[in-house]
N, C-alpha and C. Protein backbone atom coordinates (compact mmCIF):
# COMPACT_ATOMS: atom_id res chain seq x y z
N MET A 1 -4.58 81.85 -47.67
CA MET A 1 -3.46 81.31 -46.90
C MET A 1 -2.74 80.22 -47.71
N ASN A 2 -1.42 80.26 -47.69
CA ASN A 2 -0.65 79.25 -48.39
C ASN A 2 -0.79 77.89 -47.73
N GLU A 3 -0.73 76.85 -48.56
CA GLU A 3 -0.81 75.51 -48.02
C GLU A 3 0.46 75.17 -47.25
N PRO A 4 0.35 74.36 -46.18
CA PRO A 4 1.55 73.93 -45.47
C PRO A 4 2.44 73.08 -46.36
N ILE A 5 3.72 73.05 -46.04
CA ILE A 5 4.69 72.25 -46.77
C ILE A 5 5.12 71.08 -45.90
N LEU A 6 5.07 69.88 -46.45
CA LEU A 6 5.55 68.70 -45.73
C LEU A 6 6.81 68.21 -46.44
N VAL A 7 7.92 68.25 -45.72
CA VAL A 7 9.20 67.80 -46.26
C VAL A 7 9.40 66.34 -45.86
N ILE A 8 9.62 65.50 -46.86
CA ILE A 8 9.72 64.06 -46.62
C ILE A 8 10.94 63.49 -47.34
N GLY A 9 11.25 62.22 -47.02
CA GLY A 9 12.29 61.48 -47.73
C GLY A 9 11.67 60.50 -48.70
N ASN A 10 12.49 59.61 -49.24
CA ASN A 10 12.04 58.63 -50.22
C ASN A 10 10.85 57.83 -49.70
N LYS A 11 9.85 57.65 -50.54
CA LYS A 11 8.65 56.94 -50.10
C LYS A 11 8.88 55.44 -49.93
N ASN A 12 9.86 54.89 -50.62
CA ASN A 12 10.13 53.47 -50.46
C ASN A 12 10.68 53.14 -49.08
N TYR A 13 11.45 54.06 -48.50
CA TYR A 13 12.17 53.75 -47.27
C TYR A 13 11.74 54.56 -46.04
N SER A 14 11.25 55.76 -46.24
CA SER A 14 11.13 56.71 -45.12
C SER A 14 9.85 56.47 -44.32
N SER A 15 9.97 55.61 -43.33
CA SER A 15 8.82 55.28 -42.48
C SER A 15 8.32 56.50 -41.71
N TRP A 16 9.23 57.32 -41.25
CA TRP A 16 8.81 58.49 -40.48
C TRP A 16 8.07 59.49 -41.36
N SER A 17 8.49 59.62 -42.61
CA SER A 17 7.81 60.53 -43.52
C SER A 17 6.38 60.08 -43.82
N LEU A 18 6.19 58.76 -43.90
CA LEU A 18 4.86 58.23 -44.19
C LEU A 18 3.84 58.66 -43.15
N ARG A 19 4.24 58.78 -41.91
CA ARG A 19 3.27 58.99 -40.83
C ARG A 19 2.47 60.30 -40.97
N PRO A 20 3.10 61.46 -41.02
CA PRO A 20 2.28 62.67 -41.19
C PRO A 20 1.67 62.77 -42.58
N TRP A 21 2.36 62.21 -43.58
CA TRP A 21 1.83 62.25 -44.95
C TRP A 21 0.50 61.54 -45.04
N ILE A 22 0.42 60.30 -44.52
CA ILE A 22 -0.83 59.55 -44.62
C ILE A 22 -1.90 60.16 -43.73
N ALA A 23 -1.49 60.74 -42.59
CA ALA A 23 -2.47 61.38 -41.71
C ALA A 23 -3.13 62.56 -42.43
N MET A 24 -2.33 63.38 -43.08
CA MET A 24 -2.87 64.56 -43.75
C MET A 24 -3.69 64.18 -44.99
N LYS A 25 -3.20 63.19 -45.74
CA LYS A 25 -3.93 62.75 -46.93
C LYS A 25 -5.29 62.17 -46.54
N GLN A 26 -5.32 61.31 -45.53
CA GLN A 26 -6.58 60.69 -45.13
C GLN A 26 -7.56 61.72 -44.59
N ALA A 27 -7.03 62.78 -43.99
CA ALA A 27 -7.89 63.84 -43.44
C ALA A 27 -8.32 64.84 -44.51
N GLY A 28 -7.77 64.72 -45.70
CA GLY A 28 -8.14 65.65 -46.77
C GLY A 28 -7.57 67.04 -46.62
N ILE A 29 -6.41 67.16 -45.99
CA ILE A 29 -5.77 68.46 -45.79
C ILE A 29 -4.81 68.72 -46.94
N PRO A 30 -5.03 69.77 -47.73
CA PRO A 30 -4.11 70.08 -48.83
C PRO A 30 -2.74 70.50 -48.29
N PHE A 31 -1.69 70.04 -48.94
CA PHE A 31 -0.34 70.45 -48.57
C PHE A 31 0.57 70.31 -49.77
N VAL A 32 1.69 70.99 -49.70
CA VAL A 32 2.72 70.90 -50.72
C VAL A 32 3.75 69.89 -50.26
N GLU A 33 4.02 68.91 -51.10
CA GLU A 33 5.01 67.88 -50.76
C GLU A 33 6.38 68.30 -51.30
N LYS A 34 7.37 68.25 -50.42
CA LYS A 34 8.76 68.50 -50.82
C LYS A 34 9.56 67.25 -50.49
N LEU A 35 9.94 66.48 -51.51
CA LEU A 35 10.68 65.23 -51.29
C LEU A 35 12.17 65.49 -51.53
N ILE A 36 12.97 65.12 -50.52
CA ILE A 36 14.43 65.21 -50.61
C ILE A 36 14.99 63.79 -50.56
N PRO A 37 15.67 63.31 -51.59
CA PRO A 37 16.22 61.95 -51.56
C PRO A 37 17.14 61.74 -50.37
N LEU A 38 16.88 60.71 -49.60
CA LEU A 38 17.63 60.45 -48.38
C LEU A 38 19.09 60.15 -48.67
N PHE A 39 19.96 60.85 -47.98
CA PHE A 39 21.38 60.51 -47.89
C PHE A 39 22.11 60.52 -49.24
N ASP A 40 21.59 61.25 -50.23
CA ASP A 40 22.37 61.36 -51.47
C ASP A 40 23.47 62.41 -51.27
N ASP A 41 24.20 62.72 -52.32
CA ASP A 41 25.37 63.59 -52.17
C ASP A 41 25.01 64.99 -51.69
N ASN A 42 23.78 65.43 -51.97
CA ASN A 42 23.38 66.78 -51.59
C ASN A 42 22.48 66.81 -50.35
N TRP A 43 22.39 65.67 -49.65
CA TRP A 43 21.43 65.54 -48.55
C TRP A 43 21.62 66.61 -47.49
N ASP A 44 22.83 66.75 -46.94
CA ASP A 44 23.04 67.67 -45.83
C ASP A 44 22.64 69.10 -46.19
N GLN A 45 23.05 69.53 -47.34
CA GLN A 45 22.74 70.90 -47.76
C GLN A 45 21.25 71.07 -48.03
N ALA A 46 20.66 70.09 -48.71
CA ALA A 46 19.24 70.21 -49.08
C ALA A 46 18.32 70.16 -47.87
N VAL A 47 18.56 69.23 -46.95
CA VAL A 47 17.66 69.09 -45.81
C VAL A 47 17.85 70.21 -44.80
N ALA A 48 19.07 70.74 -44.70
CA ALA A 48 19.34 71.81 -43.75
C ALA A 48 18.54 73.07 -44.08
N GLU A 49 18.13 73.21 -45.32
CA GLU A 49 17.31 74.37 -45.71
C GLU A 49 15.96 74.36 -45.02
N TYR A 50 15.50 73.15 -44.62
CA TYR A 50 14.16 73.02 -44.05
C TYR A 50 14.17 72.52 -42.60
N SER A 51 15.17 71.72 -42.24
CA SER A 51 15.13 71.01 -40.97
C SER A 51 16.30 71.38 -40.07
N PRO A 52 16.03 71.86 -38.86
CA PRO A 52 17.12 72.19 -37.95
C PRO A 52 17.89 70.97 -37.47
N THR A 53 17.28 69.79 -37.58
CA THR A 53 17.94 68.56 -37.15
C THR A 53 18.54 67.76 -38.31
N LYS A 54 18.32 68.24 -39.53
CA LYS A 54 18.73 67.52 -40.74
C LYS A 54 18.07 66.15 -40.84
N LYS A 55 16.84 66.10 -40.36
CA LYS A 55 16.04 64.89 -40.45
C LYS A 55 14.67 65.24 -41.02
N VAL A 56 13.99 64.24 -41.54
CA VAL A 56 12.62 64.41 -42.02
C VAL A 56 11.74 63.43 -41.26
N PRO A 57 10.44 63.74 -41.17
CA PRO A 57 9.70 64.80 -41.84
C PRO A 57 9.78 66.13 -41.11
N VAL A 58 9.42 67.17 -41.83
CA VAL A 58 9.28 68.51 -41.28
C VAL A 58 8.00 69.10 -41.86
N LEU A 59 7.19 69.70 -41.00
CA LEU A 59 6.00 70.42 -41.47
C LEU A 59 6.24 71.90 -41.29
N ILE A 60 6.03 72.66 -42.38
CA ILE A 60 6.20 74.11 -42.36
C ILE A 60 4.84 74.73 -42.66
N ASP A 61 4.32 75.46 -41.70
CA ASP A 61 3.02 76.11 -41.84
C ASP A 61 3.20 77.59 -41.57
N GLY A 62 3.41 78.36 -42.64
CA GLY A 62 3.74 79.76 -42.46
C GLY A 62 5.11 79.90 -41.83
N ASP A 63 5.17 80.59 -40.70
CA ASP A 63 6.46 80.74 -40.01
C ASP A 63 6.64 79.70 -38.91
N ILE A 64 5.76 78.70 -38.85
CA ILE A 64 5.87 77.63 -37.87
C ILE A 64 6.56 76.44 -38.51
N ILE A 65 7.62 75.94 -37.87
CA ILE A 65 8.37 74.79 -38.36
C ILE A 65 8.33 73.71 -37.29
N ILE A 66 7.78 72.54 -37.64
CA ILE A 66 7.70 71.42 -36.70
C ILE A 66 8.54 70.28 -37.28
N HIS A 67 9.57 69.87 -36.53
CA HIS A 67 10.57 68.97 -37.10
C HIS A 67 10.58 67.58 -36.44
N GLU A 68 9.49 67.18 -35.84
CA GLU A 68 9.44 65.87 -35.17
C GLU A 68 8.06 65.27 -35.39
N THR A 69 8.02 63.95 -35.65
CA THR A 69 6.80 63.33 -36.15
C THR A 69 5.63 63.46 -35.20
N LEU A 70 5.79 63.06 -33.96
CA LEU A 70 4.67 63.16 -33.03
C LEU A 70 4.25 64.61 -32.81
N ALA A 71 5.22 65.50 -32.80
CA ALA A 71 4.88 66.92 -32.66
C ALA A 71 4.06 67.40 -33.86
N ILE A 72 4.38 66.90 -35.05
CA ILE A 72 3.58 67.25 -36.22
C ILE A 72 2.15 66.76 -36.06
N LEU A 73 1.99 65.52 -35.61
CA LEU A 73 0.65 64.96 -35.44
C LEU A 73 -0.14 65.72 -34.37
N GLU A 74 0.53 66.14 -33.30
CA GLU A 74 -0.15 66.94 -32.27
C GLU A 74 -0.54 68.31 -32.84
N TYR A 75 0.34 68.88 -33.64
CA TYR A 75 0.04 70.17 -34.26
C TYR A 75 -1.18 70.06 -35.18
N LEU A 76 -1.23 68.98 -35.95
CA LEU A 76 -2.37 68.78 -36.84
C LEU A 76 -3.67 68.69 -36.05
N HIS A 77 -3.63 68.00 -34.90
CA HIS A 77 -4.81 67.89 -34.04
C HIS A 77 -5.28 69.27 -33.58
N GLU A 78 -4.34 70.13 -33.22
CA GLU A 78 -4.70 71.46 -32.75
C GLU A 78 -5.09 72.38 -33.90
N ARG A 79 -4.40 72.24 -35.01
CA ARG A 79 -4.63 73.13 -36.17
C ARG A 79 -5.95 72.81 -36.87
N TYR A 80 -6.33 71.52 -36.88
CA TYR A 80 -7.55 71.08 -37.57
C TYR A 80 -8.40 70.24 -36.60
N PRO A 81 -8.99 70.88 -35.60
CA PRO A 81 -9.68 70.13 -34.54
C PRO A 81 -10.89 69.34 -35.02
N ASP A 82 -11.41 69.64 -36.20
CA ASP A 82 -12.59 68.94 -36.70
C ASP A 82 -12.22 67.68 -37.49
N LYS A 83 -10.94 67.37 -37.64
CA LYS A 83 -10.51 66.25 -38.48
C LYS A 83 -10.38 64.93 -37.73
N GLY A 84 -10.50 64.96 -36.42
CA GLY A 84 -10.49 63.71 -35.65
C GLY A 84 -9.15 63.01 -35.61
N PHE A 85 -8.07 63.76 -35.54
CA PHE A 85 -6.75 63.13 -35.49
C PHE A 85 -6.58 62.27 -34.23
N TRP A 86 -7.10 62.74 -33.11
CA TRP A 86 -7.17 61.93 -31.90
C TRP A 86 -8.64 61.67 -31.57
N PRO A 87 -8.95 60.55 -30.91
CA PRO A 87 -10.35 60.26 -30.55
C PRO A 87 -10.93 61.31 -29.63
N GLN A 88 -12.24 61.50 -29.69
CA GLN A 88 -12.91 62.46 -28.82
C GLN A 88 -13.01 61.96 -27.38
N ASN A 89 -13.23 60.67 -27.21
CA ASN A 89 -13.36 60.09 -25.88
C ASN A 89 -12.04 60.16 -25.13
N ASN A 90 -12.08 60.60 -23.86
CA ASN A 90 -10.86 60.78 -23.07
C ASN A 90 -10.06 59.50 -22.93
N HIS A 91 -10.74 58.40 -22.63
CA HIS A 91 -10.06 57.12 -22.45
C HIS A 91 -9.40 56.69 -23.75
N ALA A 92 -10.15 56.75 -24.82
CA ALA A 92 -9.61 56.35 -26.12
C ALA A 92 -8.46 57.26 -26.54
N ARG A 93 -8.60 58.56 -26.29
CA ARG A 93 -7.54 59.50 -26.67
C ARG A 93 -6.26 59.24 -25.89
N ALA A 94 -6.39 58.95 -24.60
CA ALA A 94 -5.22 58.63 -23.78
C ALA A 94 -4.53 57.37 -24.29
N MET A 95 -5.32 56.37 -24.64
CA MET A 95 -4.77 55.13 -25.16
C MET A 95 -4.09 55.36 -26.51
N ALA A 96 -4.72 56.14 -27.37
CA ALA A 96 -4.14 56.41 -28.68
C ALA A 96 -2.80 57.11 -28.56
N ARG A 97 -2.71 58.06 -27.64
CA ARG A 97 -1.44 58.76 -27.44
C ARG A 97 -0.39 57.83 -26.84
N ALA A 98 -0.81 56.98 -25.92
CA ALA A 98 0.14 56.06 -25.28
C ALA A 98 0.74 55.09 -26.29
N ILE A 99 -0.09 54.48 -27.12
CA ILE A 99 0.45 53.50 -28.07
C ILE A 99 1.24 54.19 -29.18
N SER A 100 0.88 55.43 -29.51
CA SER A 100 1.66 56.18 -30.50
C SER A 100 3.04 56.50 -29.95
N SER A 101 3.11 56.86 -28.68
CA SER A 101 4.40 57.11 -28.04
C SER A 101 5.22 55.82 -27.93
N GLU A 102 4.53 54.71 -27.62
CA GLU A 102 5.22 53.43 -27.56
C GLU A 102 5.80 53.07 -28.92
N MET A 103 5.06 53.32 -29.97
CA MET A 103 5.56 53.07 -31.32
C MET A 103 6.74 53.97 -31.62
N HIS A 104 6.63 55.21 -31.22
CA HIS A 104 7.67 56.20 -31.48
C HIS A 104 9.00 55.80 -30.85
N ALA A 105 8.94 55.26 -29.64
CA ALA A 105 10.16 55.00 -28.87
C ALA A 105 10.62 53.55 -28.91
N GLY A 106 9.76 52.64 -29.34
CA GLY A 106 10.08 51.23 -29.18
C GLY A 106 10.15 50.43 -30.45
N PHE A 107 10.07 49.10 -30.26
CA PHE A 107 10.07 48.13 -31.36
C PHE A 107 11.33 48.25 -32.23
N THR A 108 12.47 48.44 -31.56
CA THR A 108 13.73 48.61 -32.30
C THR A 108 14.17 47.32 -32.98
N ASN A 109 13.85 46.19 -32.41
CA ASN A 109 14.24 44.93 -33.07
C ASN A 109 13.51 44.77 -34.40
N LEU A 110 12.21 45.07 -34.40
CA LEU A 110 11.44 45.02 -35.63
C LEU A 110 12.00 46.00 -36.66
N ARG A 111 12.29 47.19 -36.23
CA ARG A 111 12.81 48.21 -37.15
C ARG A 111 14.16 47.80 -37.74
N ASN A 112 15.01 47.25 -36.89
CA ASN A 112 16.35 46.90 -37.36
C ASN A 112 16.35 45.72 -38.32
N HIS A 113 15.52 44.74 -38.05
CA HIS A 113 15.55 43.51 -38.84
C HIS A 113 14.53 43.50 -39.98
N MET A 114 13.56 44.40 -39.91
CA MET A 114 12.56 44.49 -40.97
C MET A 114 12.42 45.94 -41.42
N PRO A 115 13.46 46.49 -42.07
CA PRO A 115 13.38 47.88 -42.53
C PRO A 115 12.28 48.07 -43.58
N MET A 116 11.68 49.24 -43.59
CA MET A 116 10.63 49.50 -44.56
C MET A 116 11.23 49.52 -45.96
N ASN A 117 10.65 48.73 -46.84
CA ASN A 117 11.12 48.65 -48.22
C ASN A 117 9.94 48.16 -49.06
N ILE A 118 9.17 49.10 -49.56
CA ILE A 118 7.91 48.78 -50.22
C ILE A 118 8.12 48.01 -51.52
N ARG A 119 9.24 48.25 -52.18
CA ARG A 119 9.47 47.63 -53.49
C ARG A 119 9.84 46.15 -53.42
N LYS A 120 10.18 45.65 -52.24
CA LYS A 120 10.70 44.30 -52.13
C LYS A 120 9.69 43.34 -51.51
N ASP A 121 9.89 42.05 -51.79
CA ASP A 121 9.16 40.97 -51.13
C ASP A 121 10.19 40.13 -50.38
N HIS A 122 10.20 40.27 -49.06
CA HIS A 122 11.14 39.53 -48.21
C HIS A 122 10.39 38.52 -47.34
N SER A 123 9.37 37.92 -47.90
CA SER A 123 8.56 36.98 -47.13
C SER A 123 9.44 35.89 -46.52
N GLY A 124 9.20 35.62 -45.23
CA GLY A 124 9.94 34.59 -44.52
C GLY A 124 11.28 35.03 -43.97
N ARG A 125 11.63 36.29 -44.17
CA ARG A 125 12.91 36.79 -43.69
C ARG A 125 12.68 37.81 -42.56
N GLY A 126 13.75 38.26 -41.95
CA GLY A 126 13.70 39.34 -40.98
C GLY A 126 13.41 38.95 -39.55
N MET A 127 13.26 37.66 -39.26
CA MET A 127 12.91 37.26 -37.89
C MET A 127 14.15 37.14 -37.02
N GLY A 128 14.80 38.28 -36.82
CA GLY A 128 15.98 38.33 -35.97
C GLY A 128 15.60 38.33 -34.50
N PRO A 129 16.61 38.39 -33.60
CA PRO A 129 16.35 38.37 -32.16
C PRO A 129 15.39 39.47 -31.74
N GLY A 130 14.39 39.09 -30.99
CA GLY A 130 13.45 40.04 -30.43
C GLY A 130 12.32 40.46 -31.35
N VAL A 131 12.37 40.08 -32.62
CA VAL A 131 11.34 40.52 -33.55
C VAL A 131 9.99 39.88 -33.23
N ALA A 132 10.00 38.59 -32.91
CA ALA A 132 8.74 37.91 -32.58
C ALA A 132 8.06 38.58 -31.39
N GLU A 133 8.85 38.98 -30.40
CA GLU A 133 8.28 39.65 -29.23
C GLU A 133 7.66 41.00 -29.62
N ASP A 134 8.33 41.74 -30.50
CA ASP A 134 7.77 43.01 -30.97
C ASP A 134 6.47 42.78 -31.72
N ILE A 135 6.44 41.78 -32.58
CA ILE A 135 5.23 41.48 -33.34
C ILE A 135 4.08 41.10 -32.41
N ASN A 136 4.38 40.30 -31.41
CA ASN A 136 3.34 39.90 -30.45
C ASN A 136 2.78 41.10 -29.70
N ARG A 137 3.66 42.00 -29.29
CA ARG A 137 3.20 43.19 -28.57
C ARG A 137 2.33 44.08 -29.48
N ILE A 138 2.77 44.27 -30.72
CA ILE A 138 1.99 45.08 -31.65
C ILE A 138 0.62 44.44 -31.91
N SER A 139 0.60 43.13 -32.09
CA SER A 139 -0.68 42.44 -32.32
C SER A 139 -1.60 42.58 -31.12
N HIS A 140 -1.02 42.51 -29.91
CA HIS A 140 -1.82 42.70 -28.70
C HIS A 140 -2.43 44.11 -28.67
N ILE A 141 -1.62 45.11 -28.99
CA ILE A 141 -2.13 46.49 -29.03
C ILE A 141 -3.29 46.61 -30.02
N TRP A 142 -3.09 46.09 -31.20
CA TRP A 142 -4.13 46.20 -32.22
C TRP A 142 -5.41 45.49 -31.81
N ASN A 143 -5.29 44.30 -31.24
CA ASN A 143 -6.47 43.57 -30.80
C ASN A 143 -7.18 44.31 -29.66
N GLN A 144 -6.41 44.84 -28.73
CA GLN A 144 -7.01 45.56 -27.60
C GLN A 144 -7.76 46.79 -28.08
N CYS A 145 -7.14 47.56 -28.96
CA CYS A 145 -7.77 48.79 -29.44
C CYS A 145 -9.01 48.48 -30.27
N ARG A 146 -8.91 47.49 -31.13
CA ARG A 146 -10.06 47.12 -31.95
C ARG A 146 -11.22 46.64 -31.07
N ASP A 147 -10.90 45.92 -30.01
CA ASP A 147 -11.94 45.37 -29.13
C ASP A 147 -12.57 46.45 -28.26
N GLN A 148 -11.76 47.35 -27.70
CA GLN A 148 -12.25 48.31 -26.72
C GLN A 148 -12.73 49.62 -27.31
N PHE A 149 -12.10 50.06 -28.40
CA PHE A 149 -12.30 51.45 -28.81
C PHE A 149 -12.79 51.61 -30.25
N ALA A 150 -13.07 50.53 -30.95
CA ALA A 150 -13.44 50.66 -32.36
C ALA A 150 -14.72 49.92 -32.69
N PRO A 151 -15.83 50.29 -32.06
CA PRO A 151 -17.08 49.61 -32.37
C PRO A 151 -17.56 49.87 -33.80
N GLY A 152 -17.13 50.97 -34.38
CA GLY A 152 -17.47 51.29 -35.76
C GLY A 152 -16.23 51.76 -36.48
N GLY A 153 -16.07 51.38 -37.72
CA GLY A 153 -14.88 51.75 -38.47
C GLY A 153 -13.85 50.63 -38.47
N ASP A 154 -12.89 50.72 -39.36
CA ASP A 154 -11.94 49.63 -39.59
C ASP A 154 -10.59 49.82 -38.92
N PHE A 155 -10.43 50.93 -38.21
CA PHE A 155 -9.10 51.26 -37.72
C PHE A 155 -9.02 51.11 -36.19
N LEU A 156 -7.92 51.52 -35.59
CA LEU A 156 -7.70 51.22 -34.17
C LEU A 156 -8.73 51.85 -33.26
N PHE A 157 -9.22 53.04 -33.64
CA PHE A 157 -10.21 53.72 -32.82
C PHE A 157 -11.45 54.07 -33.64
N GLY A 158 -11.72 53.27 -34.63
CA GLY A 158 -12.86 53.50 -35.51
C GLY A 158 -12.41 54.16 -36.79
N PRO A 159 -12.51 55.49 -36.90
CA PRO A 159 -12.01 56.18 -38.09
C PRO A 159 -10.48 56.28 -38.06
N PHE A 160 -9.88 56.52 -39.22
CA PHE A 160 -8.43 56.65 -39.32
C PHE A 160 -7.97 57.88 -38.55
N GLY A 161 -6.91 57.73 -37.77
CA GLY A 161 -6.39 58.83 -36.98
C GLY A 161 -4.89 58.74 -36.79
N ASN A 162 -4.37 59.54 -35.85
CA ASN A 162 -2.94 59.61 -35.64
C ASN A 162 -2.32 58.27 -35.23
N ALA A 163 -3.01 57.49 -34.43
CA ALA A 163 -2.46 56.21 -34.02
C ALA A 163 -2.27 55.29 -35.23
N ASP A 164 -3.21 55.32 -36.15
CA ASP A 164 -3.08 54.52 -37.37
C ASP A 164 -1.93 55.03 -38.23
N ALA A 165 -1.75 56.33 -38.27
CA ALA A 165 -0.62 56.90 -39.01
C ALA A 165 0.70 56.43 -38.42
N MET A 166 0.78 56.36 -37.09
CA MET A 166 2.00 55.92 -36.45
C MET A 166 2.31 54.46 -36.76
N PHE A 167 1.29 53.63 -36.90
CA PHE A 167 1.51 52.21 -37.15
C PHE A 167 1.51 51.85 -38.64
N ALA A 168 1.23 52.81 -39.52
CA ALA A 168 1.19 52.51 -40.95
C ALA A 168 2.50 51.92 -41.48
N PRO A 169 3.67 52.42 -41.06
CA PRO A 169 4.91 51.80 -41.54
C PRO A 169 5.09 50.37 -41.05
N VAL A 170 4.54 50.04 -39.89
CA VAL A 170 4.60 48.65 -39.41
C VAL A 170 3.76 47.76 -40.32
N VAL A 171 2.59 48.25 -40.69
CA VAL A 171 1.75 47.50 -41.63
C VAL A 171 2.52 47.25 -42.93
N SER A 172 3.22 48.27 -43.41
CA SER A 172 4.01 48.12 -44.63
C SER A 172 5.10 47.08 -44.46
N ARG A 173 5.77 47.11 -43.31
CA ARG A 173 6.81 46.11 -43.04
C ARG A 173 6.22 44.70 -43.00
N PHE A 174 5.08 44.55 -42.35
CA PHE A 174 4.46 43.22 -42.26
C PHE A 174 4.13 42.69 -43.65
N LYS A 175 3.73 43.57 -44.55
CA LYS A 175 3.45 43.14 -45.92
C LYS A 175 4.74 42.71 -46.62
N THR A 176 5.76 43.54 -46.53
CA THR A 176 7.04 43.25 -47.20
C THR A 176 7.63 41.92 -46.73
N PHE A 177 7.53 41.65 -45.42
CA PHE A 177 8.17 40.47 -44.85
C PHE A 177 7.20 39.30 -44.68
N GLY A 178 5.99 39.45 -45.19
CA GLY A 178 5.04 38.35 -45.17
C GLY A 178 4.75 37.82 -43.79
N VAL A 179 4.60 38.70 -42.82
CA VAL A 179 4.39 38.27 -41.43
C VAL A 179 3.00 37.66 -41.26
N THR A 180 2.95 36.50 -40.64
CA THR A 180 1.68 35.84 -40.35
C THR A 180 1.07 36.44 -39.09
N LEU A 181 -0.17 36.88 -39.19
CA LEU A 181 -0.83 37.58 -38.09
C LEU A 181 -2.14 36.90 -37.73
N ASP A 182 -2.66 37.23 -36.54
CA ASP A 182 -3.98 36.77 -36.15
C ASP A 182 -5.03 37.47 -37.01
N PRO A 183 -6.26 36.96 -37.06
CA PRO A 183 -7.28 37.52 -37.96
C PRO A 183 -7.57 39.00 -37.74
N VAL A 184 -7.62 39.44 -36.49
CA VAL A 184 -7.91 40.85 -36.22
C VAL A 184 -6.79 41.74 -36.75
N SER A 185 -5.55 41.36 -36.48
CA SER A 185 -4.41 42.14 -36.94
C SER A 185 -4.31 42.14 -38.45
N GLN A 186 -4.58 41.00 -39.06
CA GLN A 186 -4.53 40.92 -40.52
C GLN A 186 -5.59 41.81 -41.16
N ALA A 187 -6.79 41.78 -40.61
CA ALA A 187 -7.86 42.63 -41.13
C ALA A 187 -7.51 44.11 -40.99
N TYR A 188 -6.88 44.44 -39.86
CA TYR A 188 -6.47 45.83 -39.66
C TYR A 188 -5.43 46.24 -40.71
N CYS A 189 -4.44 45.38 -40.94
CA CYS A 189 -3.43 45.67 -41.95
C CYS A 189 -4.07 45.89 -43.32
N GLU A 190 -5.00 45.03 -43.66
CA GLU A 190 -5.66 45.15 -44.97
C GLU A 190 -6.42 46.47 -45.09
N ALA A 191 -7.02 46.91 -43.98
CA ALA A 191 -7.75 48.17 -43.99
C ALA A 191 -6.80 49.35 -44.24
N VAL A 192 -5.65 49.33 -43.59
CA VAL A 192 -4.67 50.41 -43.80
C VAL A 192 -4.13 50.38 -45.22
N LEU A 193 -3.77 49.19 -45.70
CA LEU A 193 -3.23 49.06 -47.05
C LEU A 193 -4.23 49.47 -48.11
N ASP A 194 -5.51 49.39 -47.79
CA ASP A 194 -6.56 49.71 -48.77
C ASP A 194 -6.99 51.16 -48.72
N THR A 195 -6.42 51.97 -47.83
CA THR A 195 -6.77 53.39 -47.85
C THR A 195 -6.25 54.03 -49.13
N GLU A 196 -6.97 55.03 -49.58
CA GLU A 196 -6.54 55.74 -50.78
C GLU A 196 -5.17 56.36 -50.57
N ALA A 197 -4.93 56.88 -49.38
CA ALA A 197 -3.64 57.53 -49.11
C ALA A 197 -2.49 56.53 -49.19
N TYR A 198 -2.65 55.37 -48.55
CA TYR A 198 -1.54 54.41 -48.60
C TYR A 198 -1.32 53.92 -50.02
N ARG A 199 -2.38 53.70 -50.77
CA ARG A 199 -2.21 53.22 -52.15
C ARG A 199 -1.47 54.25 -53.00
N GLN A 200 -1.72 55.54 -52.76
CA GLN A 200 -0.98 56.59 -53.48
C GLN A 200 0.50 56.56 -53.10
N TRP A 201 0.77 56.43 -51.81
CA TRP A 201 2.16 56.38 -51.34
C TRP A 201 2.88 55.17 -51.94
N GLU A 202 2.24 54.02 -51.90
CA GLU A 202 2.85 52.79 -52.40
C GLU A 202 3.13 52.90 -53.90
N ALA A 203 2.18 53.44 -54.65
CA ALA A 203 2.37 53.57 -56.10
C ALA A 203 3.57 54.47 -56.41
N ALA A 204 3.71 55.55 -55.65
CA ALA A 204 4.86 56.44 -55.86
C ALA A 204 6.16 55.75 -55.48
N ALA A 205 6.14 54.98 -54.38
CA ALA A 205 7.34 54.26 -53.94
C ALA A 205 7.80 53.27 -54.99
N GLN A 206 6.86 52.62 -55.64
CA GLN A 206 7.19 51.63 -56.66
C GLN A 206 7.88 52.27 -57.86
N GLN A 207 7.66 53.54 -58.08
CA GLN A 207 8.25 54.24 -59.23
C GLN A 207 9.62 54.83 -58.91
N GLU A 208 9.99 54.87 -57.64
CA GLU A 208 11.29 55.45 -57.29
C GLU A 208 12.43 54.54 -57.73
N THR A 209 13.56 55.14 -58.03
CA THR A 209 14.73 54.37 -58.45
C THR A 209 15.90 54.49 -57.48
N TRP A 210 15.78 55.35 -56.47
CA TRP A 210 16.87 55.50 -55.50
C TRP A 210 17.04 54.20 -54.70
N VAL A 211 18.27 53.88 -54.37
CA VAL A 211 18.55 52.70 -53.54
C VAL A 211 19.41 53.14 -52.36
N ILE A 212 18.98 52.77 -51.16
CA ILE A 212 19.73 53.05 -49.93
C ILE A 212 20.25 51.70 -49.42
N ALA A 213 21.55 51.52 -49.51
CA ALA A 213 22.14 50.20 -49.24
C ALA A 213 21.86 49.72 -47.83
N MET A 214 21.86 50.62 -46.85
CA MET A 214 21.68 50.22 -45.46
C MET A 214 20.28 49.66 -45.19
N ASP A 215 19.34 49.98 -46.03
CA ASP A 215 17.97 49.51 -45.86
C ASP A 215 17.63 48.34 -46.79
N GLU A 216 18.64 47.82 -47.45
CA GLU A 216 18.46 46.66 -48.31
C GLU A 216 19.00 45.41 -47.61
N ILE A 217 18.31 44.30 -47.76
CA ILE A 217 18.75 43.03 -47.18
C ILE A 217 19.44 42.22 -48.27
N ASP A 218 20.65 41.78 -47.97
CA ASP A 218 21.43 41.00 -48.96
C ASP A 218 20.76 39.65 -49.22
């Protein structure tokens, strides 16, 4: 069987692409990476070949095309049930899905004022309106999950899973913007940053030369 294809954007900027990429890498699932530079002159034509929405990421597994991040993560859970993408415990699994959906739909102030940019150090910047409230809510989620659902392992529900993949770009943003966190949240960030998958993504991002002006802070 051919390996699935994961279509992604630039690793320096594409927070949505990071999510299924790190999930699959951490789970040890082989896949073919197809990187399309975001918003360059050939973007519309290049991405339309793979994505019905002209957005990334897209997972292509044979004749199955999944073009939305959470849907990709749910597909991975069903396609590889032994990989632990969601927790086995019903309560923990419900919580993991809830906070992943909250991440998917929310925290717009954080996203707008602290865009993902792995190559930069913006320490002390990005604290626009509503960002502190988003950071506080995220820290509360991380502390709650670590306290209730992670008696073993370094991640939100013990081993690395879909919820951690959903929050990985937030961890990256917190590093870029030098956000001060409580000890539990800081330890969680360090655990994500120290995964082999994230280190591979970061190293590749550092080598990219593309610049997207809208994601750069003057």
